[in-house]
Amino acid sequence: MTSEPAVHRPSKEELFLQVGQLKKKLNAVLLAHYYTVPEIQMVADVVGDSLALARSAEKTGADVIVFAGVYFMAETAKILNPEKQVLVPDQYAGCPLADSCPADEFRQFRLEHPGAVAVSYINSSAEIKAMSDLICTSSNAERVIRSIPEGKQILFGPDRNLGGYLMNKTGREMVLWQGYCYVHEAFSERYVLDACKLHPEAVLIAHPECREEVLRHAVFVGSTQALLDFTVSSPHRSFMVATEPGILFEMQKRSPGKTFIPAPRDPENPRSVCKQMKQNTLEKLVECMQLRKPEVTLPEELRTAALLPIRRMLDLSR
């Protein structure tokens, strides 16, 4: 009996080399979110939060955009770049927060509040963006809300925790869609405070997608990028970080002398992880560039409708 020949599995170094070669061959730019695995971040041309990646997608001169994140992010890149090919390592890397807001239900939500201004978090589908007046990210959400004239009713979705934070921050009443990010919703006051007691030297910082019960204990609340910037500039040496732990790779890289502790989901789970972000792997990245698929495509009518509120957001953020 003859044995099957051994299948060669490329090393991490070989995959890094292949990614670099394929980027040159395709004239491609690789955009990656802070929540992806470190190996993806290491080979990316731009690593950032949703706003930074949208800006990079808007400005790139590459022919091909390879987007390592979750699907709505790649959709946003395609909305901004109809003439470019947009590839994703895993087409099934979706966002449960975006999925919590179906287009038909959101359409009814708008009909029930005629005359209201609909602000949608960028963590939403192209269909939701097309039905919205403004888009925001956690980096610019406060500025977007403050841009709306007083007296105008505001609908905000799909993240109720970010919406509640913005209501407290701006004093504006809003009708909130009741979606949430499962990664940030999982942080509870009890377990986060227990962790803080175990690490009294660490200050708590949190993303506004967390529940209010957690946010009220944080010394700083901000977007992924804002949390990163805070850890760089802060005199504190140790941080308890209540957001997806992928950001800790860049935090440690920027501040090698500081300590970063992921806030726990519960005693058995020391991290609250976005499984969808982690679906992006080096192997899938190489394969998608070799095959030039999965490719993100959108009907032109949908794309142009979704482009309008995204453009308004980017203009407000300049």
C-alpha atoms as a PDB file:
ATOM      1  CA  MET A   1       0.000   0.000   0.000  1.00  0.00           C
ATOM      2  CA  THR A   2       1.385   3.364  -1.006  1.00  0.00           C
ATOM      3  CA  SER A   3       1.011   6.220   1.415  1.00  0.00           C
ATOM      4  CA  GLU A   4      -0.417   9.543   0.384  1.00  0.00           C
ATOM      5  CA  PRO A   5       2.278  12.156  -0.329  1.00  0.00           C
ATOM      6  CA  ALA A   6       2.669  14.714   2.430  1.00  0.00           C
ATOM      7  CA  VAL A   7       0.869  17.963   1.757  1.00  0.00           C
ATOM      8  CA  HIS A   8       3.144  20.977   2.121  1.00  0.00           C
ATOM      9  CA  ARG A   9       1.656  23.578   4.408  1.00  0.00           C
ATOM     10  CA  PRO A  10       3.371  26.945   3.912  1.00  0.00           C
ATOM     11  CA  SER A  11       5.031  28.463   6.937  1.00  0.00           C
ATOM     12  CA  LYS A  12       4.002  31.859   8.225  1.00  0.00           C
ATOM     13  CA  GLU A  13       7.121  33.356   6.644  1.00  0.00           C
ATOM     14  CA  GLU A  14       6.273  31.806   3.261  1.00  0.00           C
ATOM     15  CA  LEU A  15       2.729  33.185   3.478  1.00  0.00           C
ATOM     16  CA  PHE A  16       4.079  36.642   4.345  1.00  0.00           C
ATOM     17  CA  LEU A  17       6.273  36.484   1.247  1.00  0.00           C
ATOM     18  CA  GLN A  18       3.366  35.378  -0.950  1.00  0.00           C
ATOM     19  CA  VAL A  19       1.175  38.228   0.299  1.00  0.00           C
ATOM     20  CA  GLY A  20       3.899  40.744  -0.570  1.00  0.00           C
ATOM     21  CA  GLN A  21       4.362  39.267  -4.047  1.00  0.00           C
ATOM     22  CA  LEU A  22       0.626  39.191  -4.739  1.00  0.00           C
ATOM     23  CA  LYS A  23       0.180  42.798  -3.623  1.00  0.00           C
ATOM     24  CA  LYS A  24       2.771  43.869  -6.192  1.00  0.00           C
ATOM     25  CA  LYS A  25       1.324  41.655  -8.929  1.00  0.00           C
ATOM     26  CA  LEU A  26      -2.230  42.946  -8.436  1.00  0.00           C
ATOM     27  CA  ASN A  27      -1.308  46.519  -7.487  1.00  0.00           C
ATOM     28  CA  ALA A  28      -3.354  45.798  -4.382  1.00  0.00           C
ATOM     29  CA  VAL A  29      -3.697  47.539  -1.035  1.00  0.00           C
ATOM     30  CA  LEU A  30      -4.428  45.427   2.035  1.00  0.00           C
ATOM     31  CA  LEU A  31      -6.653  47.067   4.641  1.00  0.00           C
ATOM     32  CA  ALA A  32      -7.105  45.354   8.002  1.00  0.00           C
ATOM     33  CA  HIS A  33      -9.075  46.118  11.131  1.00  0.00           C
ATOM     34  CA  TYR A  34      -7.429  46.209  14.552  1.00  0.00           C
ATOM     35  CA  TYR A  35      -9.546  43.209  15.600  1.00  0.00           C
ATOM     36  CA  THR A  36      -8.017  40.816  13.062  1.00  0.00           C
ATOM     37  CA  VAL A  37      -5.296  38.359  14.102  1.00  0.00           C
ATOM     38  CA  PRO A  38      -1.753  39.760  14.527  1.00  0.00           C
ATOM     39  CA  GLU A  39      -0.439  37.945  11.428  1.00  0.00           C
ATOM     40  CA  ILE A  40      -2.952  39.797   9.250  1.00  0.00           C
ATOM     41  CA  GLN A  41      -2.100  43.128  10.869  1.00  0.00           C
ATOM     42  CA  MET A  42       1.608  42.489  10.274  1.00  0.00           C
ATOM     43  CA  VAL A  43       1.206  42.270   6.474  1.00  0.00           C
ATOM     44  CA  ALA A  44      -1.450  44.970   6.058  1.00  0.00           C
ATOM     45  CA  ASP A  45      -0.694  48.288   4.376  1.00  0.00           C
ATOM     46  CA  VAL A  46      -3.173  50.066   6.634  1.00  0.00           C
ATOM     47  CA  VAL A  47      -4.427  48.870  10.023  1.00  0.00           C
ATOM     48  CA  GLY A  48      -7.171  50.963  11.556  1.00  0.00           C
ATOM     49  CA  ASP A  49     -10.678  51.369  12.872  1.00  0.00           C
ATOM     50  CA  SER A  50     -13.734  51.732  10.648  1.00  0.00           C
ATOM     51  CA  LEU A  51     -13.285  55.464   9.998  1.00  0.00           C
ATOM     52  CA  ALA A  52      -9.569  55.219   9.189  1.00  0.00           C
ATOM     53  CA  LEU A  53     -10.175  52.283   6.861  1.00  0.00           C
ATOM     54  CA  ALA A  54     -13.040  54.088   5.092  1.00  0.00           C
ATOM     55  CA  ARG A  55     -10.752  57.095   4.559  1.00  0.00           C
ATOM     56  CA  SER A  56      -7.986  54.845   3.254  1.00  0.00           C
ATOM     57  CA  ALA A  57     -10.399  53.122   0.877  1.00  0.00           C
ATOM     58  CA  GLU A  58     -11.566  56.521  -0.371  1.00  0.00           C
ATOM     59  CA  LYS A  59      -8.025  57.714  -1.140  1.00  0.00           C
ATOM     60  CA  THR A  60      -6.238  54.610  -2.411  1.00  0.00           C
ATOM     61  CA  GLY A  61      -4.699  54.562  -5.868  1.00  0.00           C
ATOM     62  CA  ALA A  62      -4.512  50.753  -5.927  1.00  0.00           C
ATOM     63  CA  ASP A  63      -6.383  48.718  -8.524  1.00  0.00           C
ATOM     64  CA  VAL A  64      -7.464  46.080  -6.006  1.00  0.00           C
ATOM     65  CA  ILE A  65      -8.586  46.534  -2.393  1.00  0.00           C
ATOM     66  CA  VAL A  66      -8.215  43.482  -0.177  1.00  0.00           C
ATOM     67  CA  PHE A  67     -10.223  44.009   2.991  1.00  0.00           C
ATOM     68  CA  ALA A  68      -9.533  41.917   6.073  1.00  0.00           C
ATOM     69  CA  GLY A  69     -12.317  42.707   8.481  1.00  0.00           C
ATOM     70  CA  VAL A  70     -16.030  41.937   8.398  1.00  0.00           C
ATOM     71  CA  TYR A  71     -18.267  42.122   5.370  1.00  0.00           C
ATOM     72  CA  PHE A  72     -19.897  45.537   5.892  1.00  0.00           C
ATOM     73  CA  MET A  73     -16.427  47.126   5.903  1.00  0.00           C
ATOM     74  CA  ALA A  74     -15.620  45.666   2.497  1.00  0.00           C
ATOM     75  CA  GLU A  75     -19.026  46.821   1.252  1.00  0.00           C
ATOM     76  CA  THR A  76     -18.138  50.354   2.345  1.00  0.00           C
ATOM     77  CA  ALA A  77     -14.886  50.137   0.379  1.00  0.00           C
ATOM     78  CA  LYS A  78     -16.837  49.049  -2.701  1.00  0.00           C
ATOM     79  CA  ILE A  79     -19.398  51.822  -2.239  1.00  0.00           C
ATOM     80  CA  LEU A  80     -16.527  54.321  -2.314  1.00  0.00           C
ATOM     81  CA  ASN A  81     -14.677  52.601  -5.182  1.00  0.00           C
ATOM     82  CA  PRO A  82     -17.042  51.244  -7.839  1.00  0.00           C
ATOM     83  CA  GLU A  83     -14.253  50.954 -10.400  1.00  0.00           C
ATOM     84  CA  LYS A  84     -11.933  48.896  -8.167  1.00  0.00           C
ATOM     85  CA  GLN A  85     -12.032  45.207  -7.388  1.00  0.00           C
ATOM     86  CA  VAL A  86     -12.706  44.571  -3.694  1.00  0.00           C
ATOM     87  CA  LEU A  87     -11.720  41.169  -2.296  1.00  0.00           C
ATOM     88  CA  VAL A  88     -12.311  39.568   1.109  1.00  0.00           C
ATOM     89  CA  PRO A  89     -10.483  36.589   2.603  1.00  0.00           C
ATOM     90  CA  ASP A  90     -13.754  35.138   3.945  1.00  0.00           C
ATOM     91  CA  GLN A  91     -17.147  36.164   2.551  1.00  0.00           C
ATOM     92  CA  TYR A  92     -18.829  34.633   5.606  1.00  0.00           C
ATOM     93  CA  ALA A  93     -17.061  36.942   8.045  1.00  0.00           C
ATOM     94  CA  GLY A  94     -20.194  38.925   8.790  1.00  0.00           C
ATOM     95  CA  CYS A  95     -21.288  41.155  11.655  1.00  0.00           C
ATOM     96  CA  PRO A  96     -24.117  40.005  13.946  1.00  0.00           C
ATOM     97  CA  LEU A  97     -24.710  43.645  14.925  1.00  0.00           C
ATOM     98  CA  ALA A  98     -25.312  44.566  11.278  1.00  0.00           C
ATOM     99  CA  ASP A  99     -27.451  41.440  10.834  1.00  0.00           C
ATOM    100  CA  SER A 100     -29.658  42.509  13.761  1.00  0.00           C
ATOM    101  CA  CYS A 101     -31.120  45.274  11.578  1.00  0.00           C
ATOM    102  CA  PRO A 102     -32.951  43.700   8.583  1.00  0.00           C
ATOM    103  CA  ALA A 103     -33.727  46.094   5.726  1.00  0.00           C
ATOM    104  CA  ASP A 104     -37.498  45.511   5.730  1.00  0.00           C
ATOM    105  CA  GLU A 105     -37.770  46.144   9.482  1.00  0.00           C
ATOM    106  CA  PHE A 106     -35.616  49.260   9.259  1.00  0.00           C
ATOM    107  CA  ARG A 107     -37.782  50.555   6.415  1.00  0.00           C
ATOM    108  CA  GLN A 108     -40.837  50.174   8.658  1.00  0.00           C
ATOM    109  CA  PHE A 109     -38.938  51.849  11.520  1.00  0.00           C
ATOM    110  CA  ARG A 110     -38.401  54.899   9.298  1.00  0.00           C
ATOM    111  CA  LEU A 111     -42.037  54.959   8.177  1.00  0.00           C
ATOM    112  CA  GLU A 112     -43.145  55.024  11.807  1.00  0.00           C
ATOM    113  CA  HIS A 113     -41.110  58.217  12.397  1.00  0.00           C
ATOM    114  CA  PRO A 114     -41.753  60.505   9.412  1.00  0.00           C
ATOM    115  CA  GLY A 115     -39.499  63.544   9.258  1.00  0.00           C
ATOM    116  CA  ALA A 116     -36.890  62.057  11.585  1.00  0.00           C
ATOM    117  CA  VAL A 117     -33.192  62.068  10.719  1.00  0.00           C
ATOM    118  CA  ALA A 118     -31.881  58.500  10.537  1.00  0.00           C
ATOM    119  CA  VAL A 119     -28.287  58.071  11.680  1.00  0.00           C
ATOM    120  CA  SER A 120     -26.860  54.604  11.151  1.00  0.00           C
ATOM    121  CA  TYR A 121     -23.684  53.231  12.634  1.00  0.00           C
ATOM    122  CA  ILE A 122     -21.239  52.089   9.976  1.00  0.00           C
ATOM    123  CA  ASN A 123     -21.718  48.561  11.369  1.00  0.00           C
ATOM    124  CA  SER A 124     -24.702  48.094   9.082  1.00  0.00           C
ATOM    125  CA  SER A 125     -25.458  46.657   5.660  1.00  0.00           C
ATOM    126  CA  ALA A 126     -25.380  48.601   2.405  1.00  0.00           C
ATOM    127  CA  GLU A 127     -29.198  48.422   2.349  1.00  0.00           C
ATOM    128  CA  ILE A 128     -29.421  50.144   5.741  1.00  0.00           C
ATOM    129  CA  LYS A 129     -26.897  52.778   4.719  1.00  0.00           C
ATOM    130  CA  ALA A 130     -28.948  53.495   1.584  1.00  0.00           C
ATOM    131  CA  MET A 131     -32.018  54.196   3.751  1.00  0.00           C
ATOM    132  CA  SER A 132     -30.114  56.465   6.158  1.00  0.00           C
ATOM    133  CA  ASP A 133     -29.535  60.214   6.172  1.00  0.00           C
ATOM    134  CA  LEU A 134     -26.151  60.018   7.871  1.00  0.00           C
ATOM    135  CA  ILE A 135     -23.607  57.338   8.700  1.00  0.00           C
ATOM    136  CA  CYS A 136     -21.267  57.493  11.688  1.00  0.00           C
ATOM    137  CA  THR A 137     -18.436  55.517  13.222  1.00  0.00           C
ATOM    138  CA  SER A 138     -17.659  55.427  16.927  1.00  0.00           C
ATOM    139  CA  SER A 139     -14.837  57.894  16.162  1.00  0.00           C
ATOM    140  CA  ASN A 140     -17.099  60.607  14.748  1.00  0.00           C
ATOM    141  CA  ALA A 141     -20.561  59.717  16.107  1.00  0.00           C
ATOM    142  CA  GLU A 142     -20.699  62.619  18.570  1.00  0.00           C
ATOM    143  CA  ARG A 143     -19.788  65.124  15.847  1.00  0.00           C
ATOM    144  CA  VAL A 144     -22.422  63.660  13.517  1.00  0.00           C
ATOM    145  CA  ILE A 145     -25.155  63.873  16.165  1.00  0.00           C
ATOM    146  CA  ARG A 146     -24.224  67.450  17.089  1.00  0.00           C
ATOM    147  CA  SER A 147     -24.446  68.427  13.404  1.00  0.00           C
ATOM    148  CA  ILE A 148     -28.197  67.729  13.379  1.00  0.00           C
ATOM    149  CA  PRO A 149     -30.348  70.807  14.082  1.00  0.00           C
ATOM    150  CA  GLU A 150     -32.037  70.988  17.481  1.00  0.00           C
ATOM    151  CA  GLY A 151     -35.683  70.037  17.338  1.00  0.00           C
ATOM    152  CA  LYS A 152     -35.125  67.327  14.731  1.00  0.00           C
ATOM    153  CA  GLN A 153     -36.068  63.836  15.888  1.00  0.00           C
ATOM    154  CA  ILE A 154     -33.164  61.397  15.561  1.00  0.00           C
ATOM    155  CA  LEU A 155     -33.348  57.690  14.863  1.00  0.00           C
ATOM    156  CA  PHE A 156     -30.165  55.819  15.748  1.00  0.00           C
ATOM    157  CA  GLY A 157     -29.200  52.254  15.046  1.00  0.00           C
ATOM    158  CA  PRO A 158     -28.355  49.527  15.117  1.00  0.00           C
ATOM    159  CA  ASP A 159     -26.265  49.688  18.333  1.00  0.00           C
ATOM    160  CA  ARG A 160     -28.348  50.642  21.373  1.00  0.00           C
ATOM    161  CA  ASN A 161     -25.318  50.942  23.679  1.00  0.00           C
ATOM    162  CA  LEU A 162     -23.519  53.411  21.446  1.00  0.00           C
ATOM    163  CA  GLY A 163     -26.826  55.251  21.020  1.00  0.00           C
ATOM    164  CA  GLY A 164     -27.347  55.473  24.781  1.00  0.00           C
ATOM    165  CA  TYR A 165     -23.811  56.728  25.275  1.00  0.00           C
ATOM    166  CA  LEU A 166     -24.387  59.434  22.646  1.00  0.00           C
ATOM    167  CA  MET A 167     -27.644  60.503  24.284  1.00  0.00           C
ATOM    168  CA  ASN A 168     -25.813  60.981  27.590  1.00  0.00           C
ATOM    169  CA  LYS A 169     -22.907  62.735  25.896  1.00  0.00           C
ATOM    170  CA  THR A 170     -24.877  65.150  23.698  1.00  0.00           C
ATOM    171  CA  GLY A 171     -28.125  65.543  25.639  1.00  0.00           C
ATOM    172  CA  ARG A 172     -30.074  64.697  22.485  1.00  0.00           C
ATOM    173  CA  GLU A 173     -33.045  62.360  22.732  1.00  0.00           C
ATOM    174  CA  MET A 174     -32.975  59.584  20.148  1.00  0.00           C
ATOM    175  CA  VAL A 175     -35.144  56.634  19.201  1.00  0.00           C
ATOM    176  CA  LEU A 176     -32.812  53.649  19.393  1.00  0.00           C
ATOM    177  CA  TRP A 177     -32.771  50.456  17.386  1.00  0.00           C
ATOM    178  CA  GLN A 178     -32.258  47.629  19.883  1.00  0.00           C
ATOM    179  CA  GLY A 179     -29.226  45.899  18.367  1.00  0.00           C
ATOM    180  CA  TYR A 180     -25.902  45.328  20.072  1.00  0.00           C
ATOM    181  CA  CYS A 181     -22.408  43.978  19.483  1.00  0.00           C
ATOM    182  CA  TYR A 182     -22.148  40.614  21.217  1.00  0.00           C
ATOM    183  CA  VAL A 183     -18.454  41.187  21.958  1.00  0.00           C
ATOM    184  CA  HIS A 184     -19.055  44.396  23.910  1.00  0.00           C
ATOM    185  CA  GLU A 185     -22.459  43.471  25.343  1.00  0.00           C
ATOM    186  CA  ALA A 186     -20.767  40.510  27.039  1.00  0.00           C
ATOM    187  CA  PHE A 187     -18.783  42.723  29.414  1.00  0.00           C
ATOM    188  CA  SER A 188     -20.630  42.888  32.727  1.00  0.00           C
ATOM    189  CA  GLU A 189     -20.087  45.273  35.602  1.00  0.00           C
ATOM    190  CA  ARG A 190     -19.549  42.401  38.038  1.00  0.00           C
ATOM    191  CA  TYR A 191     -16.793  40.569  36.194  1.00  0.00           C
ATOM    192  CA  VAL A 192     -15.035  43.695  34.946  1.00  0.00           C
ATOM    193  CA  LEU A 193     -14.884  45.110  38.482  1.00  0.00           C
ATOM    194  CA  ASP A 194     -13.674  41.759  39.805  1.00  0.00           C
ATOM    195  CA  ALA A 195     -10.874  41.889  37.243  1.00  0.00           C
ATOM    196  CA  CYS A 196     -10.038  45.463  38.209  1.00  0.00           C
ATOM    197  CA  LYS A 197      -9.702  44.364  41.859  1.00  0.00           C
ATOM    198  CA  LEU A 198      -7.229  41.689  40.769  1.00  0.00           C
ATOM    199  CA  HIS A 199      -5.254  44.367  38.911  1.00  0.00           C
ATOM    200  CA  PRO A 200      -5.574  47.531  41.044  1.00  0.00           C
ATOM    201  CA  GLU A 201      -2.716  49.170  39.143  1.00  0.00           C
ATOM    202  CA  ALA A 202      -4.704  49.064  35.877  1.00  0.00           C
ATOM    203  CA  VAL A 203      -7.129  51.795  34.800  1.00  0.00           C
ATOM    204  CA  LEU A 204     -10.280  50.752  32.949  1.00  0.00           C
ATOM    205  CA  ILE A 205     -10.815  52.045  29.407  1.00  0.00           C
ATOM    206  CA  ALA A 206     -13.854  51.033  27.353  1.00  0.00           C
ATOM    207  CA  HIS A 207     -15.473  51.209  23.935  1.00  0.00           C
ATOM    208  CA  PRO A 208     -18.887  52.971  23.837  1.00  0.00           C
ATOM    209  CA  GLU A 209     -20.491  49.781  22.478  1.00  0.00           C
ATOM    210  CA  CYS A 210     -20.189  48.451  26.051  1.00  0.00           C
ATOM    211  CA  ARG A 211     -23.133  48.603  28.417  1.00  0.00           C
ATOM    212  CA  GLU A 212     -23.588  51.759  30.482  1.00  0.00           C
ATOM    213  CA  GLU A 213     -22.978  49.774  33.677  1.00  0.00           C
ATOM    214  CA  VAL A 214     -19.399  49.214  32.468  1.00  0.00           C
ATOM    215  CA  LEU A 215     -18.849  52.645  30.904  1.00  0.00           C
ATOM    216  CA  ARG A 216     -19.538  54.488  34.139  1.00  0.00           C
ATOM    217  CA  HIS A 217     -16.462  52.908  35.751  1.00  0.00           C
ATOM    218  CA  ALA A 218     -14.075  53.728  32.899  1.00  0.00           C
ATOM    219  CA  VAL A 219     -11.503  56.515  33.151  1.00  0.00           C
ATOM    220  CA  PHE A 220     -11.768  56.879  29.372  1.00  0.00           C
ATOM    221  CA  VAL A 221     -14.439  55.909  26.841  1.00  0.00           C
ATOM    222  CA  GLY A 222     -13.690  56.076  23.140  1.00  0.00           C
ATOM    223  CA  SER A 223     -13.550  54.438  19.743  1.00  0.00           C
ATOM    224  CA  THR A 224     -10.970  51.758  18.998  1.00  0.00           C
ATOM    225  CA  GLN A 225      -8.598  54.413  17.618  1.00  0.00           C
ATOM    226  CA  ALA A 226      -9.268  56.749  20.547  1.00  0.00           C
ATOM    227  CA  LEU A 227      -8.532  53.973  23.045  1.00  0.00           C
ATOM    228  CA  LEU A 228      -5.246  53.272  21.269  1.00  0.00           C
ATOM    229  CA  ASP A 229      -4.295  56.950  21.233  1.00  0.00           C
ATOM    230  CA  PHE A 230      -5.187  57.288  24.921  1.00  0.00           C
ATOM    231  CA  THR A 231      -2.888  54.435  25.923  1.00  0.00           C
ATOM    232  CA  VAL A 232      -0.015  56.031  24.002  1.00  0.00           C
ATOM    233  CA  SER A 233      -0.411  59.493  25.564  1.00  0.00           C
ATOM    234  CA  SER A 234      -1.573  58.512  29.068  1.00  0.00           C
ATOM    235  CA  PRO A 235       0.903  58.576  31.972  1.00  0.00           C
ATOM    236  CA  HIS A 236      -0.733  55.388  33.281  1.00  0.00           C
ATOM    237  CA  ARG A 237       1.363  52.253  32.854  1.00  0.00           C
ATOM    238  CA  SER A 238      -1.325  49.574  33.037  1.00  0.00           C
ATOM    239  CA  PHE A 239      -4.746  49.316  31.354  1.00  0.00           C
ATOM    240  CA  MET A 240      -7.793  47.074  31.620  1.00  0.00           C
ATOM    241  CA  VAL A 241      -9.192  47.201  28.076  1.00  0.00           C
ATOM    242  CA  ALA A 242     -12.922  46.601  27.531  1.00  0.00           C
ATOM    243  CA  THR A 243     -13.100  46.043  23.798  1.00  0.00           C
ATOM    244  CA  GLU A 244     -12.185  43.293  21.325  1.00  0.00           C
ATOM    245  CA  PRO A 245      -8.694  42.122  22.352  1.00  0.00           C
ATOM    246  CA  GLY A 246      -7.241  42.267  18.836  1.00  0.00           C
ATOM    247  CA  ILE A 247      -6.372  45.911  19.560  1.00  0.00           C
ATOM    248  CA  LEU A 248      -3.933  44.822  22.267  1.00  0.00           C
ATOM    249  CA  PHE A 249      -1.417  43.816  19.577  1.00  0.00           C
ATOM    250  CA  GLU A 250      -1.139  47.406  18.345  1.00  0.00           C
ATOM    251  CA  MET A 251      -1.306  48.837  21.877  1.00  0.00           C
ATOM    252  CA  GLN A 252       1.656  46.717  22.940  1.00  0.00           C
ATOM    253  CA  LYS A 253       3.504  47.599  19.747  1.00  0.00           C
ATOM    254  CA  ARG A 254       3.026  51.340  20.324  1.00  0.00           C
ATOM    255  CA  SER A 255       3.766  51.195  24.072  1.00  0.00           C
ATOM    256  CA  PRO A 256       6.089  48.230  24.739  1.00  0.00           C
ATOM    257  CA  GLY A 257       6.757  49.343  28.305  1.00  0.00           C
ATOM    258  CA  LYS A 258       3.105  49.345  29.326  1.00  0.00           C
ATOM    259  CA  THR A 259       0.787  46.524  30.399  1.00  0.00           C
ATOM    260  CA  PHE A 260      -2.512  45.726  28.670  1.00  0.00           C
ATOM    261  CA  ILE A 261      -5.054  43.375  30.193  1.00  0.00           C
ATOM    262  CA  PRO A 262      -8.143  42.286  28.244  1.00  0.00           C
ATOM    263  CA  ALA A 263     -11.342  42.773  30.196  1.00  0.00           C
ATOM    264  CA  PRO A 264     -12.889  39.336  30.840  1.00  0.00           C
ATOM    265  CA  ARG A 265     -16.191  38.122  29.465  1.00  0.00           C
ATOM    266  CA  ASP A 266     -16.632  35.929  32.561  1.00  0.00           C
ATOM    267  CA  PRO A 267     -14.387  33.884  34.875  1.00  0.00           C
ATOM    268  CA  GLU A 268     -14.074  31.057  32.325  1.00  0.00           C
ATOM    269  CA  ASN A 269     -13.481  33.374  29.359  1.00  0.00           C
ATOM    270  CA  PRO A 270     -10.673  35.889  29.955  1.00  0.00           C
ATOM    271  CA  ARG A 271     -11.381  37.592  26.606  1.00  0.00           C
ATOM    272  CA  SER A 272     -14.501  38.572  24.653  1.00  0.00           C
ATOM    273  CA  VAL A 273     -13.549  37.770  21.065  1.00  0.00           C
ATOM    274  CA  CYS A 274     -15.141  38.600  17.703  1.00  0.00           C
ATOM    275  CA  LYS A 275     -15.188  35.201  16.007  1.00  0.00           C
ATOM    276  CA  GLN A 276     -15.999  36.749  12.640  1.00  0.00           C
ATOM    277  CA  MET A 277     -12.899  38.983  12.636  1.00  0.00           C
ATOM    278  CA  LYS A 278     -10.769  35.949  13.456  1.00  0.00           C
ATOM    279  CA  GLN A 279     -12.102  34.146  10.366  1.00  0.00           C
ATOM    280  CA  ASN A 280      -9.566  36.201   8.408  1.00  0.00           C
ATOM    281  CA  THR A 281      -6.406  34.060   8.201  1.00  0.00           C
ATOM    282  CA  LEU A 282      -3.168  34.272   6.249  1.00  0.00           C
ATOM    283  CA  GLU A 283      -4.087  31.165   4.248  1.00  0.00           C
ATOM    284  CA  LYS A 284      -7.448  32.621   3.210  1.00  0.00           C
ATOM    285  CA  LEU A 285      -5.787  35.943   2.439  1.00  0.00           C
ATOM    286  CA  VAL A 286      -3.308  34.358   0.033  1.00  0.00           C
ATOM    287  CA  GLU A 287      -6.012  32.250  -1.610  1.00  0.00           C
ATOM    288  CA  CYS A 288      -8.363  35.179  -2.180  1.00  0.00           C
ATOM    289  CA  MET A 289      -5.562  37.156  -3.845  1.00  0.00           C
ATOM    290  CA  GLN A 290      -4.507  34.206  -5.989  1.00  0.00           C
ATOM    291  CA  LEU A 291      -8.059  33.479  -7.166  1.00  0.00           C
ATOM    292  CA  ARG A 292      -9.272  37.111  -7.022  1.00  0.00           C
ATOM    293  CA  LYS A 293     -12.340  36.001  -5.124  1.00  0.00           C
ATOM    294  CA  PRO A 294     -14.494  36.198  -3.057  1.00  0.00           C
ATOM    295  CA  GLU A 295     -15.252  39.564  -4.641  1.00  0.00           C
ATOM    296  CA  VAL A 296     -17.630  42.164  -3.206  1.00  0.00           C
ATOM    297  CA  THR A 297     -20.161  43.481  -5.716  1.00  0.00           C
ATOM    298  CA  LEU A 298     -23.181  45.742  -5.310  1.00  0.00           C
ATOM    299  CA  PRO A 299     -26.008  46.829  -7.621  1.00  0.00           C
ATOM    300  CA  GLU A 300     -25.202  50.338  -8.851  1.00  0.00           C
ATOM    301  CA  GLU A 301     -28.503  51.808  -7.649  1.00  0.00           C
ATOM    302  CA  LEU A 302     -27.874  50.505  -4.135  1.00  0.00           C
ATOM    303  CA  ARG A 303     -24.258  51.637  -4.191  1.00  0.00           C
ATOM    304  CA  THR A 304     -25.072  55.226  -5.201  1.00  0.00           C
ATOM    305  CA  ALA A 305     -27.859  55.466  -2.601  1.00  0.00           C
ATOM    306  CA  ALA A 306     -25.528  54.257   0.154  1.00  0.00           C
ATOM    307  CA  LEU A 307     -22.742  56.566  -1.033  1.00  0.00           C
ATOM    308  CA  LEU A 308     -24.638  59.774  -0.184  1.00  0.00           C
ATOM    309  CA  PRO A 309     -24.763  59.362   3.632  1.00  0.00           C
ATOM    310  CA  ILE A 310     -21.206  57.984   3.686  1.00  0.00           C
ATOM    311  CA  ARG A 311     -19.969  61.059   1.818  1.00  0.00           C
ATOM    312  CA  ARG A 312     -21.792  63.278   4.326  1.00  0.00           C
ATOM    313  CA  MET A 313     -20.035  61.438   7.157  1.00  0.00           C
ATOM    314  CA  LEU A 314     -16.607  61.777   5.569  1.00  0.00           C
ATOM    315  CA  ASP A 315     -17.176  65.474   4.850  1.00  0.00           C
ATOM    316  CA  LEU A 316     -18.153  66.048   8.498  1.00  0.00           C
ATOM    317  CA  SER A 317     -15.002  64.219   9.646  1.00  0.00           C
ATOM    318  CA  ARG A 318     -12.425  66.167   7.667  1.00  0.00           C
END
